[in-house]
Amino acid sequence: MQGLRRKLVYVTAYELIGLSMSTLGLAYLSDTPAAHTGPLALMITTIAMTWNLIYNTLFEYWESRQVRRGRSLARRVVHAIGFQLTLVIFLIPLIAWWLGMSLTDAFIVDLAFIILVPCYTFIYNWLFDRIFGLPSAARGVA
């Protein structure tokens, strides 16, 4: 599976799993009912899904121009951490506003996700590539 279809399947499955984890995790971490964190998790998922599509397109563009092909452990780690760090810029203010807390408190609530999501992203990407194969950009195919 390649191209836009691959990206859409990747992002949809990734974010549906993430939505479930976010709703329950935010409810637990903020001591707020899941009914209140569910809409926040949906907003987070929408932002993350949009950014995921953009980020992966940019990453694959960069990847297609590299001399060394394939997805090494180092490349996978950089991908996962880069995605999460850039996503945090969008999410901390939203969490603070929705839960009525300071940016510092929102950062603390989000800290668990800052740690968990790169691990989830790494495992998800590895499994996705094992199931669907590497994208053309990682194999050196135009």
Protein backbone atom coordinates (compact mmCIF):
# COMPACT_ATOMS: atom_id res chain seq x y z
CA MET A 1 0.00 0.00 0.00
CA GLN A 2 1.45 3.35 -1.04
CA GLY A 3 0.65 7.02 -1.47
CA LEU A 4 -2.39 8.80 -0.11
CA ARG A 5 -4.24 5.56 0.67
CA ARG A 6 -1.37 4.42 2.89
CA LYS A 7 -1.27 7.78 4.69
CA LEU A 8 -5.03 7.81 5.30
CA VAL A 9 -5.11 4.24 6.66
CA TYR A 10 -2.06 4.99 8.81
CA VAL A 11 -3.43 8.22 10.28
CA THR A 12 -6.98 6.92 10.82
CA ALA A 13 -5.94 3.79 12.73
CA TYR A 14 -3.25 5.68 14.66
CA GLU A 15 -5.66 8.37 15.80
CA LEU A 16 -8.57 6.06 16.68
CA ILE A 17 -6.31 4.16 19.05
CA GLY A 18 -4.93 7.49 20.31
CA LEU A 19 -8.45 8.86 20.89
CA SER A 20 -9.30 5.99 23.19
CA MET A 21 -6.05 6.34 25.12
CA SER A 22 -6.42 10.14 25.36
CA THR A 23 -9.98 10.13 26.68
CA LEU A 24 -9.21 7.68 29.45
CA GLY A 25 -5.76 9.10 30.20
CA LEU A 26 -6.95 12.70 30.43
CA ALA A 27 -9.85 11.69 32.67
CA TYR A 28 -7.48 9.86 34.99
CA LEU A 29 -4.73 12.50 35.03
CA SER A 30 -7.03 15.48 35.49
CA ASP A 31 -9.47 13.73 37.82
CA THR A 32 -12.24 14.80 35.45
CA PRO A 33 -15.06 12.62 34.08
CA ALA A 34 -14.45 11.03 30.70
CA ALA A 35 -17.60 12.80 29.46
CA HIS A 36 -15.71 16.09 29.90
CA THR A 37 -12.36 14.85 28.57
CA GLY A 38 -13.91 13.01 25.60
CA PRO A 39 -14.57 16.21 23.59
CA LEU A 40 -11.08 17.46 24.50
CA ALA A 41 -9.61 14.16 23.36
CA LEU A 42 -11.57 14.50 20.11
CA MET A 43 -10.14 18.01 19.56
CA ILE A 44 -6.66 16.69 20.38
CA THR A 45 -7.18 13.80 17.98
CA THR A 46 -8.37 16.13 15.20
CA ILE A 47 -5.33 18.36 15.65
CA ALA A 48 -3.01 15.36 15.93
CA MET A 49 -4.53 13.67 12.87
CA THR A 50 -4.14 16.78 10.76
CA TRP A 51 -0.60 17.37 11.99
CA ASN A 52 0.25 13.67 11.56
CA LEU A 53 -0.69 13.81 7.87
CA ILE A 54 1.34 17.00 7.36
CA TYR A 55 4.29 15.79 9.46
CA ASN A 56 4.51 12.41 7.71
CA THR A 57 4.31 14.04 4.29
CA LEU A 58 7.18 16.36 5.23
CA PHE A 59 9.14 13.49 6.81
CA GLU A 60 8.75 11.28 3.73
CA TYR A 61 9.77 14.20 1.51
CA TRP A 62 12.95 14.59 3.58
CA GLU A 63 13.41 10.82 3.67
CA SER A 64 13.17 10.49 -0.12
CA ARG A 65 16.17 12.80 -0.48
CA GLN A 66 18.44 10.84 1.84
CA VAL A 67 21.27 8.72 0.47
CA ARG A 68 20.71 5.98 3.04
CA ARG A 69 17.39 4.16 2.51
CA GLY A 70 15.28 2.20 4.94
CA ARG A 71 14.11 3.04 8.43
CA SER A 72 16.81 2.45 10.96
CA LEU A 73 16.21 2.53 14.69
CA ALA A 74 17.68 6.03 14.82
CA ARG A 75 15.40 7.27 12.02
CA ARG A 76 12.34 5.79 13.74
CA VAL A 77 13.28 7.39 17.07
CA VAL A 78 13.80 10.81 15.43
CA HIS A 79 10.44 10.47 13.65
CA ALA A 80 8.53 9.58 16.82
CA ILE A 81 10.15 12.20 19.05
CA GLY A 82 9.95 14.91 16.39
CA PHE A 83 6.25 14.31 15.89
CA GLN A 84 5.47 14.46 19.61
CA LEU A 85 7.58 17.54 20.34
CA THR A 86 6.00 19.53 17.52
CA LEU A 87 2.50 18.38 18.49
CA VAL A 88 2.95 19.60 22.09
CA ILE A 89 3.19 23.17 20.81
CA PHE A 90 -0.42 22.91 19.64
CA LEU A 91 -1.82 20.90 22.54
CA ILE A 92 -0.60 22.53 25.78
CA PRO A 93 -2.63 25.74 25.29
CA LEU A 94 -5.74 23.75 24.33
CA ILE A 95 -5.51 21.49 27.38
CA ALA A 96 -4.97 24.49 29.67
CA TRP A 97 -7.98 26.30 28.25
CA TRP A 98 -10.33 23.29 28.22
CA LEU A 99 -9.50 22.11 31.73
CA GLY A 100 -9.21 25.65 33.14
CA MET A 101 -5.65 25.30 34.32
CA SER A 102 -2.32 27.04 33.88
CA LEU A 103 0.04 26.21 31.03
CA THR A 104 2.37 24.66 33.60
CA ASP A 105 -0.38 22.41 34.95
CA ALA A 106 -1.41 21.50 31.40
CA PHE A 107 2.20 20.61 30.65
CA ILE A 108 2.28 18.34 33.71
CA VAL A 109 -0.97 16.65 32.64
CA ASP A 110 0.43 16.28 29.13
CA LEU A 111 3.81 15.02 30.38
CA ALA A 112 2.51 11.47 30.56
CA PHE A 113 1.47 11.74 26.92
CA ILE A 114 4.78 13.36 26.00
CA ILE A 115 6.46 10.21 27.28
CA LEU A 116 3.84 7.66 26.19
CA VAL A 117 3.06 8.88 22.67
CA PRO A 118 6.60 8.55 21.23
CA CYS A 119 6.66 4.97 22.53
CA TYR A 120 3.22 4.32 21.07
CA THR A 121 4.26 6.00 17.79
CA PHE A 122 7.43 3.90 17.56
CA ILE A 123 5.59 0.62 18.18
CA TYR A 124 2.69 1.58 15.92
CA ASN A 125 5.02 2.57 13.04
CA TRP A 126 7.02 -0.63 13.37
CA LEU A 127 3.87 -2.77 13.34
CA PHE A 128 2.31 -0.76 10.49
CA ASP A 129 5.43 -1.20 8.35
CA ARG A 130 5.55 -4.92 9.18
CA ILE A 131 1.92 -5.34 8.12
CA PHE A 132 1.85 -3.02 5.07
CA GLY A 133 5.53 -2.83 4.10
CA LEU A 134 7.73 0.25 3.88
CA PRO A 135 6.58 3.28 1.89
CA SER A 136 8.27 3.94 -1.44
CA ALA A 137 10.31 6.80 0.05
CA ALA A 138 12.00 4.41 2.49
CA ARG A 139 12.72 1.82 -0.21
CA GLY A 140 14.21 4.21 -2.76
CA VAL A 141 11.32 3.75 -5.21
CA ALA A 142 9.91 6.91 -6.79
